[in-house]
Amino acid sequence: MKLQIQHFFDPATSTLTYVVADQQTRDAVIIDPVWDYDPASGKMSTDSMQPVLAFIQEHKLNPHYVLETHAHADHLSSSQLFKNYFPQIKIAIGERIVEVQKIFKDVFNMKGLEPTGCEFDLLLKDGQELQAGSLKIKTIFTPGHTPACASYLIEDALFAGDAIFMPDYGTGRCDFPAGSAEDLYDSVKNKIYALPDKTRIFVGHDYQPHGRSLEFQTTVGEEKKTNIQLKETTTREDFIRFRKERDATLAAPKLLLPSIQVNIRAGHLPEAEDNGQRYLKLPLR
């Protein structure tokens, strides 16, 4: 198999979306697509989605799944919109999404939400192998950033979401509800770093520290040697202490409240009210 990996970067949210395809069969999956949202005006657009769609159509790919690494807190997912173009596509996420739904059902008083994950087409188990035509995808639960984080291993490429970033940036934050620095340490050390050193890692965000240019691909070996927050030699106690101290200084993501409401529903917007308008809630504190 000749694996083709194309990245798409959304500078507004520093998010990486990936299309992964078998160049011979044209079977493909989409990972973590973005739906643009301006909180000041409430306007939504598909500017970030259009290059992904154009790439798929230009290369005559057959996308089987949108794979979500977790319920993102910094951008809305455009997963459902792809069904308008590819009716066969299914939306998949790790089965622990139900834990996130339970938390935010109460936060937003979502009376119509049953925390069963039924909004998604497929809930994946840890270690589950998913077949997308000729592509074989292994699901690896990597909780910590959220309890429902999963990474996807396709051939020698791991799509790690927000578990780990480029070595000069470190790891994902762990201060969201039910996040855990302890769990993230175990996920990285026992699962990601257990993969062969040559395994390629494709990160979910790149915040371009110190103004450097975009980077999105590293390896397990490089991370183990040089990740500024969690090397192979970093102790559990040191990482947990660092992560908790660091997270205590971070502001909430700008799109946290709107993103969560949409993303725990598998990219579905809230139902329109009796005036035909849809609304997102902003709880006052």
Foldseek 3Di string as FASTA:
>chain_A
DDKDKDWAADVVQQFIKIWIADLVVLFIEIEFFFWDADVVVRDTDCPRVVVVVVVSVVSVHQYAEYEYQALDQAGAGPRVVVCVVHVNYFYEFAQCLLVVVVVVCVVQVVVPDDSRLVLGPYHDYAQDWDDRDPWIKGWHQQAALANGGIWIDTPLEIEREQLAFPLVPGGHAQPDVRHHLLSSLCSCQVPVLVDDQARKYFYGGDPCPPVHDDDGIDTSVCNQVRRPQDHNPDDSVSNRVVRVVVNVPDDRHPRRQVSNVQRSSVNDFDDADPVRDGDGDDDDD
